[in-house]
Amino acid sequence: MIRVCVESPLRGDVARNARYAQCCMLDCLLRNEAPFLGHLLYPLVLDDESPEHRELGIGAHLSWLAAADFVAVYFDLGVSSGMEAAITRAADRGIPHMFRRLSAEWETEYAARIARTPGF
């Protein structure tokens, strides 16, 4: 599997955007890719409203970005400033990126699959 750093928006409607990020993760897995979504993972333990925590999460995410084979930018919900920064940092490091969309029915098609997946 190739390593993919996934970029999608999180701020704003966080609940919807987190579901969207999970759907992006599933899309990558179905493409036989190994996705990493720091913006979905790190807020589980860091306070995104704390500048120190936010910088810590961004730094950790960028460390993973450096190990990625490419960056998948999912833009159905727009491109945030954080996503733009990640694209720029990847380009500066010679890591290619590609823009992707999920199907128009992502909230039913992918989210239904995620809802059926048992948790830990």
N, C-alpha and C. Protein backbone atom coordinates (compact mmCIF):
# COMPACT_ATOMS: atom_id res chain seq x y z
N MET A 1 0.83 -1.19 0.00
CA MET A 1 0.00 0.00 0.00
C MET A 1 0.88 1.25 0.00
N ILE A 2 0.41 2.25 -0.69
CA ILE A 2 1.14 3.51 -0.68
C ILE A 2 0.58 4.40 0.43
N ARG A 3 1.46 5.22 1.00
CA ARG A 3 1.09 6.10 2.11
C ARG A 3 0.51 7.40 1.57
N VAL A 4 -0.69 7.72 2.03
CA VAL A 4 -1.39 8.91 1.56
C VAL A 4 -1.73 9.80 2.75
N CYS A 5 -1.33 11.03 2.68
CA CYS A 5 -1.72 12.02 3.68
C CYS A 5 -2.99 12.68 3.14
N VAL A 6 -4.07 12.58 3.89
CA VAL A 6 -5.37 13.09 3.44
C VAL A 6 -5.61 14.47 4.01
N GLU A 7 -6.05 15.37 3.15
CA GLU A 7 -6.43 16.72 3.56
C GLU A 7 -7.91 16.91 3.24
N SER A 8 -8.64 17.33 4.26
CA SER A 8 -10.05 17.70 4.11
C SER A 8 -10.35 18.70 5.21
N PRO A 9 -11.40 19.50 5.05
CA PRO A 9 -11.69 20.51 6.08
C PRO A 9 -12.21 19.88 7.36
N LEU A 10 -11.94 20.55 8.48
CA LEU A 10 -12.49 20.07 9.75
C LEU A 10 -13.25 21.18 10.48
N ARG A 11 -12.71 22.37 10.51
CA ARG A 11 -13.37 23.48 11.23
C ARG A 11 -14.71 23.82 10.57
N GLY A 12 -15.51 24.56 11.30
CA GLY A 12 -16.85 24.90 10.81
C GLY A 12 -17.83 23.89 11.37
N ASP A 13 -18.49 23.16 10.50
CA ASP A 13 -19.41 22.11 10.93
C ASP A 13 -18.58 20.87 11.23
N VAL A 14 -18.03 20.82 12.43
CA VAL A 14 -17.06 19.78 12.78
C VAL A 14 -17.66 18.38 12.69
N ALA A 15 -18.88 18.20 13.12
CA ALA A 15 -19.51 16.87 13.07
C ALA A 15 -19.62 16.38 11.62
N ARG A 16 -20.14 17.23 10.74
CA ARG A 16 -20.26 16.86 9.32
C ARG A 16 -18.88 16.65 8.71
N ASN A 17 -17.94 17.56 9.00
CA ASN A 17 -16.62 17.48 8.39
C ASN A 17 -15.84 16.26 8.89
N ALA A 18 -16.06 15.85 10.14
CA ALA A 18 -15.43 14.63 10.66
C ALA A 18 -15.99 13.40 9.95
N ARG A 19 -17.31 13.39 9.73
CA ARG A 19 -17.90 12.27 8.96
C ARG A 19 -17.33 12.24 7.55
N TYR A 20 -17.20 13.42 6.95
CA TYR A 20 -16.63 13.51 5.60
C TYR A 20 -15.20 12.97 5.60
N ALA A 21 -14.40 13.35 6.61
CA ALA A 21 -13.02 12.87 6.69
C ALA A 21 -12.98 11.35 6.81
N GLN A 22 -13.90 10.79 7.59
CA GLN A 22 -13.96 9.33 7.69
C GLN A 22 -14.29 8.70 6.34
N CYS A 23 -15.18 9.34 5.60
CA CYS A 23 -15.53 8.85 4.26
C CYS A 23 -14.32 8.94 3.33
N CYS A 24 -13.53 10.00 3.47
CA CYS A 24 -12.30 10.13 2.67
C CYS A 24 -11.33 9.00 3.01
N MET A 25 -11.24 8.68 4.30
CA MET A 25 -10.37 7.58 4.73
C MET A 25 -10.82 6.27 4.09
N LEU A 26 -12.12 6.02 4.13
CA LEU A 26 -12.66 4.81 3.51
C LEU A 26 -12.37 4.79 2.01
N ASP A 27 -12.54 5.93 1.35
CA ASP A 27 -12.26 6.01 -0.08
C ASP A 27 -10.81 5.61 -0.37
N CYS A 28 -9.89 6.10 0.44
CA CYS A 28 -8.48 5.74 0.25
C CYS A 28 -8.27 4.24 0.46
N LEU A 29 -8.84 3.70 1.51
CA LEU A 29 -8.67 2.27 1.78
C LEU A 29 -9.22 1.43 0.63
N LEU A 30 -10.36 1.85 0.08
CA LEU A 30 -10.94 1.12 -1.05
C LEU A 30 -10.08 1.24 -2.31
N ARG A 31 -9.17 2.21 -2.33
CA ARG A 31 -8.21 2.36 -3.43
C ARG A 31 -6.91 1.61 -3.13
N ASN A 32 -6.92 0.84 -2.04
CA ASN A 32 -5.75 0.08 -1.59
C ASN A 32 -4.61 1.02 -1.17
N GLU A 33 -4.97 2.12 -0.52
CA GLU A 33 -4.01 3.08 -0.01
C GLU A 33 -4.04 3.04 1.52
N ALA A 34 -2.93 3.46 2.12
CA ALA A 34 -2.84 3.56 3.58
C ALA A 34 -2.95 5.03 3.96
N PRO A 35 -4.16 5.50 4.32
CA PRO A 35 -4.36 6.92 4.58
C PRO A 35 -3.95 7.33 5.99
N PHE A 36 -3.51 8.57 6.10
CA PHE A 36 -3.26 9.20 7.39
C PHE A 36 -4.02 10.51 7.44
N LEU A 37 -4.78 10.73 8.51
CA LEU A 37 -5.59 11.94 8.67
C LEU A 37 -5.29 12.56 10.03
N GLY A 38 -4.20 13.29 10.11
CA GLY A 38 -3.81 13.91 11.36
C GLY A 38 -4.87 14.86 11.90
N HIS A 39 -5.56 15.55 10.99
CA HIS A 39 -6.58 16.51 11.43
C HIS A 39 -7.79 15.83 12.04
N LEU A 40 -7.95 14.54 11.80
CA LEU A 40 -9.03 13.77 12.41
C LEU A 40 -8.55 13.10 13.70
N LEU A 41 -7.30 12.69 13.72
CA LEU A 41 -6.73 11.96 14.84
C LEU A 41 -6.34 12.86 16.01
N TYR A 42 -5.56 13.87 15.76
CA TYR A 42 -4.98 14.65 16.84
C TYR A 42 -5.99 15.43 17.68
N PRO A 43 -7.08 15.95 17.10
CA PRO A 43 -8.06 16.63 17.95
C PRO A 43 -8.73 15.72 18.98
N LEU A 44 -8.54 14.41 18.85
CA LEU A 44 -9.08 13.49 19.86
C LEU A 44 -8.37 13.66 21.20
N VAL A 45 -7.11 14.14 21.16
CA VAL A 45 -6.33 14.27 22.39
C VAL A 45 -5.80 15.69 22.61
N LEU A 46 -5.88 16.54 21.60
CA LEU A 46 -5.40 17.91 21.71
C LEU A 46 -6.57 18.87 21.62
N ASP A 47 -6.43 20.03 22.26
CA ASP A 47 -7.45 21.07 22.21
C ASP A 47 -7.16 21.98 21.02
N ASP A 48 -7.98 21.90 19.99
CA ASP A 48 -7.74 22.67 18.77
C ASP A 48 -7.88 24.17 18.99
N GLU A 49 -8.50 24.57 20.10
CA GLU A 49 -8.63 25.99 20.41
C GLU A 49 -7.39 26.54 21.12
N SER A 50 -6.52 25.66 21.58
CA SER A 50 -5.28 26.07 22.24
C SER A 50 -4.19 26.25 21.18
N PRO A 51 -3.61 27.45 21.07
CA PRO A 51 -2.55 27.65 20.06
C PRO A 51 -1.38 26.67 20.23
N GLU A 52 -1.02 26.36 21.46
CA GLU A 52 0.09 25.43 21.70
C GLU A 52 -0.27 24.03 21.21
N HIS A 53 -1.46 23.60 21.53
CA HIS A 53 -1.91 22.27 21.09
C HIS A 53 -2.04 22.22 19.57
N ARG A 54 -2.58 23.30 19.00
CA ARG A 54 -2.76 23.35 17.55
C ARG A 54 -1.41 23.24 16.85
N GLU A 55 -0.41 23.96 17.33
CA GLU A 55 0.93 23.89 16.74
C GLU A 55 1.54 22.50 16.91
N LEU A 56 1.31 21.88 18.05
CA LEU A 56 1.81 20.52 18.29
C LEU A 56 1.19 19.54 17.28
N GLY A 57 -0.12 19.65 17.08
CA GLY A 57 -0.81 18.78 16.13
C GLY A 57 -0.35 19.01 14.71
N ILE A 58 -0.17 20.29 14.34
CA ILE A 58 0.30 20.61 12.98
C ILE A 58 1.70 20.07 12.76
N GLY A 59 2.56 20.22 13.76
CA GLY A 59 3.92 19.69 13.65
C GLY A 59 3.95 18.18 13.47
N ALA A 60 3.12 17.49 14.25
CA ALA A 60 3.05 16.02 14.12
C ALA A 60 2.50 15.63 12.75
N HIS A 61 1.49 16.35 12.29
CA HIS A 61 0.91 16.06 10.98
C HIS A 61 1.96 16.26 9.88
N LEU A 62 2.73 17.33 9.97
CA LEU A 62 3.75 17.60 8.96
C LEU A 62 4.85 16.55 8.97
N SER A 63 5.13 15.97 10.12
CA SER A 63 6.11 14.88 10.17
C SER A 63 5.62 13.68 9.37
N TRP A 64 4.33 13.38 9.51
CA TRP A 64 3.75 12.29 8.72
C TRP A 64 3.69 12.67 7.24
N LEU A 65 3.40 13.92 6.96
CA LEU A 65 3.34 14.39 5.58
C LEU A 65 4.65 14.11 4.86
N ALA A 66 5.76 14.31 5.55
CA ALA A 66 7.08 14.10 4.94
C ALA A 66 7.29 12.64 4.53
N ALA A 67 6.57 11.72 5.16
CA ALA A 67 6.72 10.30 4.84
C ALA A 67 5.70 9.81 3.81
N ALA A 68 4.81 10.69 3.38
CA ALA A 68 3.74 10.29 2.46
C ALA A 68 4.27 10.15 1.03
N ASP A 69 3.65 9.24 0.29
CA ASP A 69 3.95 9.10 -1.13
C ASP A 69 3.25 10.20 -1.93
N PHE A 70 2.08 10.62 -1.45
CA PHE A 70 1.39 11.76 -2.04
C PHE A 70 0.32 12.26 -1.08
N VAL A 71 -0.23 13.41 -1.41
CA VAL A 71 -1.28 14.03 -0.62
C VAL A 71 -2.57 13.99 -1.43
N ALA A 72 -3.62 13.48 -0.82
CA ALA A 72 -4.95 13.47 -1.45
C ALA A 72 -5.76 14.59 -0.83
N VAL A 73 -6.15 15.54 -1.65
CA VAL A 73 -6.91 16.71 -1.20
C VAL A 73 -8.37 16.51 -1.60
N TYR A 74 -9.20 16.23 -0.62
CA TYR A 74 -10.64 16.04 -0.88
C TYR A 74 -11.32 17.39 -0.72
N PHE A 75 -11.94 17.87 -1.80
CA PHE A 75 -12.40 19.25 -1.82
C PHE A 75 -13.90 19.43 -2.03
N ASP A 76 -14.68 18.39 -1.83
CA ASP A 76 -16.14 18.52 -1.96
C ASP A 76 -16.70 19.62 -1.05
N LEU A 77 -16.09 19.80 0.12
CA LEU A 77 -16.57 20.77 1.10
C LEU A 77 -15.72 22.04 1.11
N GLY A 78 -14.90 22.20 0.09
CA GLY A 78 -14.04 23.38 0.00
C GLY A 78 -12.62 23.07 0.42
N VAL A 79 -11.77 24.08 0.32
CA VAL A 79 -10.36 23.96 0.69
C VAL A 79 -10.09 25.00 1.76
N SER A 80 -9.71 24.54 2.93
CA SER A 80 -9.45 25.44 4.06
C SER A 80 -8.03 25.99 3.98
N SER A 81 -7.76 26.99 4.81
CA SER A 81 -6.40 27.55 4.85
C SER A 81 -5.40 26.51 5.33
N GLY A 82 -5.81 25.64 6.23
CA GLY A 82 -4.93 24.56 6.69
C GLY A 82 -4.61 23.58 5.58
N MET A 83 -5.60 23.30 4.74
CA MET A 83 -5.38 22.41 3.60
C MET A 83 -4.42 23.06 2.61
N GLU A 84 -4.62 24.37 2.36
CA GLU A 84 -3.72 25.09 1.45
C GLU A 84 -2.29 25.06 1.97
N ALA A 85 -2.12 25.24 3.28
CA ALA A 85 -0.78 25.20 3.87
C ALA A 85 -0.14 23.83 3.70
N ALA A 86 -0.92 22.77 3.87
CA ALA A 86 -0.39 21.42 3.70
C ALA A 86 0.00 21.16 2.25
N ILE A 87 -0.79 21.64 1.31
CA ILE A 87 -0.47 21.49 -0.11
C ILE A 87 0.85 22.20 -0.41
N THR A 88 1.00 23.41 0.11
CA THR A 88 2.23 24.18 -0.12
C THR A 88 3.43 23.47 0.50
N ARG A 89 3.29 23.00 1.72
CA ARG A 89 4.40 22.30 2.38
C ARG A 89 4.77 21.03 1.65
N ALA A 90 3.77 20.31 1.17
CA ALA A 90 4.05 19.09 0.40
C ALA A 90 4.80 19.44 -0.88
N ALA A 91 4.34 20.46 -1.58
CA ALA A 91 4.99 20.88 -2.82
C ALA A 91 6.43 21.30 -2.56
N ASP A 92 6.65 22.02 -1.46
CA ASP A 92 8.01 22.45 -1.10
C ASP A 92 8.93 21.26 -0.86
N ARG A 93 8.35 20.15 -0.44
CA ARG A 93 9.13 18.94 -0.17
C ARG A 93 9.14 17.98 -1.35
N GLY A 94 8.53 18.38 -2.45
CA GLY A 94 8.51 17.53 -3.64
C GLY A 94 7.52 16.38 -3.55
N ILE A 95 6.55 16.49 -2.66
CA ILE A 95 5.54 15.45 -2.51
C ILE A 95 4.34 15.84 -3.37
N PRO A 96 3.97 15.00 -4.32
CA PRO A 96 2.86 15.36 -5.21
C PRO A 96 1.52 15.34 -4.47
N HIS A 97 0.57 16.07 -5.03
CA HIS A 97 -0.78 16.03 -4.49
C HIS A 97 -1.77 15.86 -5.64
N MET A 98 -2.94 15.36 -5.29
CA MET A 98 -4.02 15.24 -6.26
C MET A 98 -5.32 15.65 -5.59
N PHE A 99 -6.17 16.28 -6.37
CA PHE A 99 -7.47 16.68 -5.88
C PHE A 99 -8.46 15.56 -6.16
N ARG A 100 -9.30 15.28 -5.18
CA ARG A 100 -10.29 14.21 -5.30
C ARG A 100 -11.64 14.69 -4.82
N ARG A 101 -12.66 14.07 -5.38
CA ARG A 101 -14.04 14.26 -4.93
C ARG A 101 -14.60 12.89 -4.58
N LEU A 102 -15.48 12.89 -3.61
CA LEU A 102 -16.27 11.70 -3.35
C LEU A 102 -17.51 11.78 -4.23
N SER A 103 -18.25 10.72 -4.30
CA SER A 103 -19.48 10.77 -5.08
C SER A 103 -20.44 11.77 -4.43
N ALA A 104 -21.36 12.27 -5.20
CA ALA A 104 -22.32 13.25 -4.69
C ALA A 104 -23.12 12.68 -3.53
N GLU A 105 -23.23 11.39 -3.45
CA GLU A 105 -24.00 10.73 -2.40
C GLU A 105 -23.10 10.27 -1.25
N TRP A 106 -22.00 10.96 -1.01
CA TRP A 106 -21.05 10.50 0.01
C TRP A 106 -21.71 10.33 1.38
N GLU A 107 -22.65 11.21 1.70
CA GLU A 107 -23.26 11.12 3.03
C GLU A 107 -24.11 9.87 3.19
N THR A 108 -24.63 9.34 2.10
CA THR A 108 -25.40 8.11 2.21
C THR A 108 -24.57 6.90 1.84
N GLU A 109 -23.84 7.01 0.74
CA GLU A 109 -23.07 5.87 0.24
C GLU A 109 -21.94 5.46 1.20
N TYR A 110 -21.04 6.38 1.50
CA TYR A 110 -19.90 6.06 2.35
C TYR A 110 -20.28 6.05 3.83
N ALA A 111 -21.05 7.04 4.24
CA ALA A 111 -21.38 7.16 5.66
C ALA A 111 -22.17 5.94 6.13
N ALA A 112 -23.00 5.36 5.28
CA ALA A 112 -23.74 4.18 5.65
C ALA A 112 -22.80 3.01 5.91
N ARG A 113 -21.75 2.90 5.13
CA ARG A 113 -20.75 1.84 5.35
C ARG A 113 -20.03 2.04 6.67
N ILE A 114 -19.70 3.30 6.97
CA ILE A 114 -18.99 3.60 8.21
C ILE A 114 -19.88 3.30 9.40
N ALA A 115 -21.17 3.63 9.31
CA ALA A 115 -22.10 3.41 10.41
C ALA A 115 -22.23 1.92 10.73
N ARG A 116 -22.05 1.05 9.74
CA ARG A 116 -22.17 -0.39 9.95
C ARG A 116 -20.89 -0.99 10.52
N THR A 117 -19.78 -0.23 10.48
CA THR A 117 -18.51 -0.75 10.93
C THR A 117 -18.46 -0.76 12.44
N PRO A 118 -18.18 -1.92 13.05
CA PRO A 118 -18.13 -1.95 14.52
C PRO A 118 -16.96 -1.12 15.03
N GLY A 119 -17.14 -0.53 16.20
CA GLY A 119 -16.08 0.28 16.80
C GLY A 119 -15.08 -0.59 17.55
N PHE A 120 -14.21 0.05 18.25
CA PHE A 120 -13.19 -0.66 19.01
C PHE A 120 -13.77 -1.25 20.26
